[in-house]
Amino acid sequence: MQLKITTKTVDGILVLQCGGRIVFGEESSLLRDMVKKAIPDSKRIVLNLGEVNYIDSGGLGTLVALHTTASNAGGTIKLASLTKRVGDLLQVTKLLTVFDVHESEYEALEAFRTAA
C-alpha cells in the first residue's frame, strides 16, 4: 500500500497522519519533502504513524534525517500511535532512544502544549 499523508494543524502544531508503508523510494521522498517544506513555518510536528504497517531501512533513514533536520532548524518532531510492528522495529534498532514517542496523537500534542 502506498504511503498516504494527510495534514492538519492543531494549536499551531502540524500533525501528519501517515498510512501505508514508509519505504525507500517515492514514499520516503514524499514524507521527507512534506516535512522539509513545513519546518520553516512549523517548528512543532507530530508524525502519527498509527496506520503505518511497514517501514524499511530507507524509511528509518528518512525518519532519522527528518529528526536531525528539524533539530538543526530549532524544531521538534514527535512520533505518535506506533503500531506494535513499528514500535518493535524502533526498539530493535535502538531508535526509541532518539525519538520522542507518545502512545497517542493527543499525548504528543499535550507534550508540546505543556512544554510551551
N, C-alpha and C. Protein backbone atom coordinates (compact mmCIF):
# COMPACT_ATOMS: atom_id res chain seq x y z
N MET A 1 0.85 -1.19 0.00
CA MET A 1 0.00 0.00 0.00
C MET A 1 0.89 1.24 0.00
N GLN A 2 0.61 2.16 -0.90
CA GLN A 2 1.36 3.41 -0.98
C GLN A 2 1.18 4.21 0.30
N LEU A 3 2.14 5.10 0.55
CA LEU A 3 2.05 5.98 1.70
C LEU A 3 1.04 7.07 1.42
N LYS A 4 0.12 7.24 2.35
CA LYS A 4 -0.86 8.33 2.27
C LYS A 4 -0.62 9.24 3.46
N ILE A 5 -0.57 10.55 3.19
CA ILE A 5 -0.32 11.51 4.26
C ILE A 5 -1.39 12.59 4.21
N THR A 6 -2.03 12.81 5.35
CA THR A 6 -2.95 13.93 5.48
C THR A 6 -2.39 14.84 6.57
N THR A 7 -2.64 16.12 6.41
CA THR A 7 -2.10 17.07 7.38
C THR A 7 -3.22 17.88 8.00
N LYS A 8 -2.95 18.33 9.21
CA LYS A 8 -3.85 19.25 9.90
C LYS A 8 -3.00 20.03 10.89
N THR A 9 -3.51 21.15 11.33
CA THR A 9 -2.81 21.94 12.33
C THR A 9 -3.70 22.06 13.56
N VAL A 10 -3.13 21.76 14.72
CA VAL A 10 -3.85 21.83 15.99
C VAL A 10 -3.06 22.74 16.92
N ASP A 11 -3.64 23.88 17.26
CA ASP A 11 -2.96 24.84 18.16
C ASP A 11 -1.56 25.18 17.68
N GLY A 12 -1.40 25.35 16.38
CA GLY A 12 -0.10 25.72 15.83
C GLY A 12 0.87 24.56 15.68
N ILE A 13 0.41 23.35 15.97
CA ILE A 13 1.25 22.15 15.84
C ILE A 13 0.82 21.41 14.58
N LEU A 14 1.78 21.13 13.70
CA LEU A 14 1.47 20.40 12.47
C LEU A 14 1.41 18.91 12.76
N VAL A 15 0.30 18.28 12.35
CA VAL A 15 0.14 16.83 12.52
C VAL A 15 0.09 16.19 11.14
N LEU A 16 0.97 15.23 10.90
CA LEU A 16 0.95 14.46 9.66
C LEU A 16 0.46 13.07 10.00
N GLN A 17 -0.70 12.72 9.48
CA GLN A 17 -1.28 11.39 9.67
C GLN A 17 -0.78 10.53 8.52
N CYS A 18 0.02 9.52 8.84
CA CYS A 18 0.62 8.67 7.82
C CYS A 18 -0.04 7.30 7.82
N GLY A 19 -0.26 6.77 6.63
CA GLY A 19 -0.83 5.44 6.49
C GLY A 19 -0.18 4.71 5.34
N GLY A 20 0.03 3.40 5.52
CA GLY A 20 0.64 2.61 4.46
C GLY A 20 2.06 2.22 4.83
N ARG A 21 2.97 2.39 3.86
CA ARG A 21 4.35 1.96 4.06
C ARG A 21 5.30 3.15 3.91
N ILE A 22 6.30 3.20 4.77
CA ILE A 22 7.37 4.19 4.61
C ILE A 22 8.59 3.38 4.19
N VAL A 23 8.83 3.39 2.88
CA VAL A 23 9.91 2.58 2.31
C VAL A 23 10.76 3.44 1.39
N PHE A 24 11.95 2.96 1.09
CA PHE A 24 12.86 3.66 0.20
C PHE A 24 12.18 3.93 -1.14
N GLY A 25 12.33 5.13 -1.64
CA GLY A 25 11.74 5.48 -2.93
C GLY A 25 10.74 6.61 -2.78
N GLU A 26 9.66 6.51 -3.54
CA GLU A 26 8.66 7.58 -3.58
C GLU A 26 8.05 7.87 -2.21
N GLU A 27 7.76 6.81 -1.45
CA GLU A 27 7.09 7.01 -0.16
C GLU A 27 7.93 7.85 0.79
N SER A 28 9.21 7.45 0.97
CA SER A 28 10.04 8.21 1.90
C SER A 28 10.35 9.60 1.35
N SER A 29 10.46 9.74 0.03
CA SER A 29 10.68 11.06 -0.58
C SER A 29 9.49 11.98 -0.32
N LEU A 30 8.28 11.45 -0.44
CA LEU A 30 7.08 12.24 -0.20
C LEU A 30 7.07 12.76 1.24
N LEU A 31 7.32 11.89 2.20
CA LEU A 31 7.33 12.30 3.60
C LEU A 31 8.43 13.33 3.85
N ARG A 32 9.62 13.06 3.34
CA ARG A 32 10.75 13.97 3.53
C ARG A 32 10.43 15.35 2.96
N ASP A 33 9.91 15.40 1.75
CA ASP A 33 9.60 16.69 1.12
C ASP A 33 8.54 17.46 1.88
N MET A 34 7.49 16.76 2.33
CA MET A 34 6.42 17.44 3.07
C MET A 34 6.94 18.05 4.37
N VAL A 35 7.74 17.29 5.10
CA VAL A 35 8.23 17.79 6.39
C VAL A 35 9.24 18.90 6.19
N LYS A 36 10.14 18.75 5.22
CA LYS A 36 11.15 19.79 4.99
C LYS A 36 10.51 21.11 4.58
N LYS A 37 9.44 21.04 3.78
CA LYS A 37 8.73 22.27 3.40
C LYS A 37 8.02 22.90 4.59
N ALA A 38 7.58 22.08 5.53
CA ALA A 38 6.81 22.57 6.68
C ALA A 38 7.68 23.16 7.77
N ILE A 39 8.91 22.69 7.92
CA ILE A 39 9.76 23.07 9.05
C ILE A 39 9.95 24.59 9.20
N PRO A 40 10.17 25.35 8.12
CA PRO A 40 10.34 26.79 8.34
C PRO A 40 9.13 27.47 8.98
N ASP A 41 7.93 26.95 8.72
CA ASP A 41 6.71 27.56 9.25
C ASP A 41 6.21 26.90 10.53
N SER A 42 6.54 25.64 10.71
CA SER A 42 6.03 24.90 11.87
C SER A 42 7.18 24.16 12.54
N LYS A 43 7.59 24.63 13.68
CA LYS A 43 8.72 24.02 14.40
C LYS A 43 8.27 22.84 15.25
N ARG A 44 6.97 22.67 15.41
CA ARG A 44 6.43 21.57 16.22
C ARG A 44 5.63 20.65 15.30
N ILE A 45 6.11 19.41 15.16
CA ILE A 45 5.49 18.46 14.22
C ILE A 45 5.24 17.13 14.92
N VAL A 46 4.05 16.58 14.70
CA VAL A 46 3.71 15.24 15.18
C VAL A 46 3.52 14.35 13.97
N LEU A 47 4.25 13.23 13.94
CA LEU A 47 4.02 12.22 12.91
C LEU A 47 3.19 11.12 13.54
N ASN A 48 1.92 11.03 13.15
CA ASN A 48 1.04 9.99 13.64
C ASN A 48 1.23 8.77 12.74
N LEU A 49 1.85 7.74 13.28
CA LEU A 49 2.18 6.55 12.49
C LEU A 49 1.24 5.39 12.77
N GLY A 50 0.06 5.70 13.29
CA GLY A 50 -0.91 4.67 13.68
C GLY A 50 -1.38 3.77 12.56
N GLU A 51 -1.30 4.24 11.32
CA GLU A 51 -1.75 3.43 10.20
C GLU A 51 -0.60 3.00 9.29
N VAL A 52 0.62 3.15 9.79
CA VAL A 52 1.79 2.69 9.04
C VAL A 52 2.02 1.22 9.37
N ASN A 53 2.00 0.37 8.35
CA ASN A 53 2.13 -1.06 8.61
C ASN A 53 3.52 -1.61 8.30
N TYR A 54 4.39 -0.78 7.70
CA TYR A 54 5.72 -1.28 7.35
C TYR A 54 6.68 -0.13 7.16
N ILE A 55 7.88 -0.27 7.71
CA ILE A 55 8.96 0.69 7.48
C ILE A 55 10.20 -0.11 7.17
N ASP A 56 10.89 0.23 6.05
CA ASP A 56 12.14 -0.46 5.75
C ASP A 56 13.32 0.42 6.17
N SER A 57 14.53 0.00 5.86
CA SER A 57 15.71 0.75 6.28
C SER A 57 15.74 2.15 5.68
N GLY A 58 15.25 2.29 4.46
CA GLY A 58 15.17 3.62 3.85
C GLY A 58 14.19 4.52 4.58
N GLY A 59 13.09 3.94 5.04
CA GLY A 59 12.11 4.70 5.82
C GLY A 59 12.66 5.11 7.17
N LEU A 60 13.41 4.21 7.82
CA LEU A 60 14.05 4.55 9.09
C LEU A 60 15.05 5.67 8.89
N GLY A 61 15.82 5.58 7.81
CA GLY A 61 16.79 6.63 7.50
C GLY A 61 16.12 7.97 7.29
N THR A 62 14.96 7.95 6.65
CA THR A 62 14.20 9.18 6.43
C THR A 62 13.73 9.77 7.75
N LEU A 63 13.22 8.94 8.65
CA LEU A 63 12.78 9.44 9.95
C LEU A 63 13.94 10.07 10.73
N VAL A 64 15.10 9.42 10.69
CA VAL A 64 16.26 9.96 11.40
C VAL A 64 16.71 11.28 10.76
N ALA A 65 16.72 11.33 9.43
CA ALA A 65 17.12 12.55 8.74
C ALA A 65 16.16 13.70 9.05
N LEU A 66 14.86 13.41 9.12
CA LEU A 66 13.87 14.45 9.44
C LEU A 66 14.06 14.93 10.87
N HIS A 67 14.34 14.02 11.78
CA HIS A 67 14.60 14.38 13.18
C HIS A 67 15.79 15.34 13.24
N THR A 68 16.85 15.02 12.52
CA THR A 68 18.06 15.86 12.50
C THR A 68 17.78 17.21 11.86
N THR A 69 17.09 17.21 10.73
CA THR A 69 16.76 18.45 10.03
C THR A 69 15.94 19.38 10.92
N ALA A 70 14.93 18.81 11.58
CA ALA A 70 14.08 19.61 12.46
C ALA A 70 14.89 20.16 13.63
N SER A 71 15.71 19.33 14.25
CA SER A 71 16.53 19.76 15.38
C SER A 71 17.47 20.90 14.98
N ASN A 72 18.10 20.76 13.83
CA ASN A 72 19.03 21.79 13.36
C ASN A 72 18.33 23.11 13.07
N ALA A 73 17.03 23.03 12.76
CA ALA A 73 16.25 24.25 12.47
C ALA A 73 15.54 24.77 13.71
N GLY A 74 15.83 24.17 14.87
CA GLY A 74 15.18 24.60 16.11
C GLY A 74 13.80 24.01 16.30
N GLY A 75 13.49 22.95 15.58
CA GLY A 75 12.18 22.32 15.66
C GLY A 75 12.23 20.99 16.37
N THR A 76 11.05 20.39 16.53
CA THR A 76 10.93 19.10 17.20
C THR A 76 9.91 18.24 16.46
N ILE A 77 10.25 16.98 16.29
CA ILE A 77 9.30 16.01 15.72
C ILE A 77 9.02 14.96 16.79
N LYS A 78 7.74 14.75 17.05
CA LYS A 78 7.32 13.69 17.98
C LYS A 78 6.61 12.61 17.16
N LEU A 79 6.80 11.37 17.54
CA LEU A 79 6.11 10.25 16.91
C LEU A 79 4.96 9.82 17.80
N ALA A 80 3.84 9.46 17.18
CA ALA A 80 2.66 9.08 17.95
C ALA A 80 2.00 7.85 17.36
N SER A 81 1.32 7.12 18.23
CA SER A 81 0.46 6.00 17.84
C SER A 81 1.18 4.92 17.04
N LEU A 82 2.36 4.52 17.50
CA LEU A 82 3.10 3.49 16.78
C LEU A 82 2.35 2.16 16.84
N THR A 83 2.32 1.46 15.72
CA THR A 83 1.79 0.10 15.73
C THR A 83 2.82 -0.78 16.43
N LYS A 84 2.41 -1.97 16.85
CA LYS A 84 3.33 -2.88 17.53
C LYS A 84 4.53 -3.17 16.64
N ARG A 85 4.28 -3.40 15.38
CA ARG A 85 5.36 -3.73 14.44
C ARG A 85 6.37 -2.59 14.32
N VAL A 86 5.89 -1.37 14.17
CA VAL A 86 6.78 -0.21 14.05
C VAL A 86 7.49 0.06 15.37
N GLY A 87 6.77 -0.07 16.48
CA GLY A 87 7.38 0.11 17.79
C GLY A 87 8.49 -0.90 18.05
N ASP A 88 8.24 -2.15 17.68
CA ASP A 88 9.26 -3.20 17.84
C ASP A 88 10.48 -2.89 16.98
N LEU A 89 10.26 -2.41 15.77
CA LEU A 89 11.36 -2.07 14.88
C LEU A 89 12.22 -0.94 15.47
N LEU A 90 11.56 0.08 16.00
CA LEU A 90 12.31 1.18 16.61
C LEU A 90 13.05 0.71 17.86
N GLN A 91 12.48 -0.24 18.57
CA GLN A 91 13.14 -0.77 19.77
C GLN A 91 14.38 -1.58 19.39
N VAL A 92 14.24 -2.46 18.41
CA VAL A 92 15.35 -3.31 17.98
C VAL A 92 16.51 -2.46 17.43
N THR A 93 16.19 -1.39 16.72
CA THR A 93 17.23 -0.54 16.14
C THR A 93 17.73 0.53 17.11
N LYS A 94 17.19 0.51 18.33
CA LYS A 94 17.56 1.47 19.38
C LYS A 94 17.15 2.91 19.04
N LEU A 95 16.27 3.09 18.09
CA LEU A 95 15.82 4.43 17.71
C LEU A 95 14.78 4.98 18.68
N LEU A 96 14.23 4.12 19.54
CA LEU A 96 13.29 4.63 20.55
C LEU A 96 14.00 5.63 21.47
N THR A 97 15.31 5.51 21.59
CA THR A 97 16.06 6.44 22.44
C THR A 97 16.30 7.77 21.74
N VAL A 98 16.14 7.81 20.43
CA VAL A 98 16.36 9.03 19.64
C VAL A 98 15.09 9.87 19.56
N PHE A 99 13.97 9.20 19.33
CA PHE A 99 12.71 9.90 19.09
C PHE A 99 11.92 10.10 20.38
N ASP A 100 11.11 11.15 20.37
CA ASP A 100 10.16 11.40 21.45
C ASP A 100 8.86 10.71 21.01
N VAL A 101 8.57 9.56 21.63
CA VAL A 101 7.45 8.72 21.19
C VAL A 101 6.31 8.80 22.19
N HIS A 102 5.08 8.92 21.69
CA HIS A 102 3.89 9.01 22.53
C HIS A 102 2.86 7.96 22.11
N GLU A 103 2.07 7.52 23.09
CA GLU A 103 1.06 6.49 22.85
C GLU A 103 -0.01 6.94 21.85
N SER A 104 -0.34 8.23 21.89
CA SER A 104 -1.42 8.72 21.03
C SER A 104 -1.07 10.11 20.50
N GLU A 105 -1.79 10.51 19.48
CA GLU A 105 -1.63 11.86 18.91
C GLU A 105 -1.95 12.90 19.98
N TYR A 106 -2.99 12.63 20.76
CA TYR A 106 -3.39 13.56 21.82
C TYR A 106 -2.25 13.78 22.82
N GLU A 107 -1.59 12.68 23.23
CA GLU A 107 -0.49 12.79 24.20
C GLU A 107 0.68 13.58 23.61
N ALA A 108 0.98 13.37 22.33
CA ALA A 108 2.06 14.12 21.68
C ALA A 108 1.72 15.61 21.65
N LEU A 109 0.47 15.93 21.32
CA LEU A 109 0.04 17.34 21.30
C LEU A 109 0.12 17.94 22.70
N GLU A 110 -0.30 17.19 23.69
CA GLU A 110 -0.23 17.67 25.08
C GLU A 110 1.20 17.91 25.52
N ALA A 111 2.11 17.06 25.08
CA ALA A 111 3.53 17.22 25.44
C ALA A 111 4.06 18.55 24.88
N PHE A 112 3.65 18.89 23.66
CA PHE A 112 4.05 20.18 23.08
C PHE A 112 3.41 21.33 23.88
N ARG A 113 2.13 21.17 24.21
CA ARG A 113 1.41 22.25 24.91
C ARG A 113 2.02 22.52 26.28
N THR A 114 2.35 21.47 27.02
CA THR A 114 2.88 21.68 28.37
C THR A 114 4.32 22.18 28.33
N ALA A 115 5.04 21.92 27.25
CA ALA A 115 6.42 22.40 27.13
C ALA A 115 6.46 23.88 26.75
N ALA A 116 5.37 24.38 26.17
CA ALA A 116 5.36 25.77 25.67
C ALA A 116 5.28 26.77 26.81
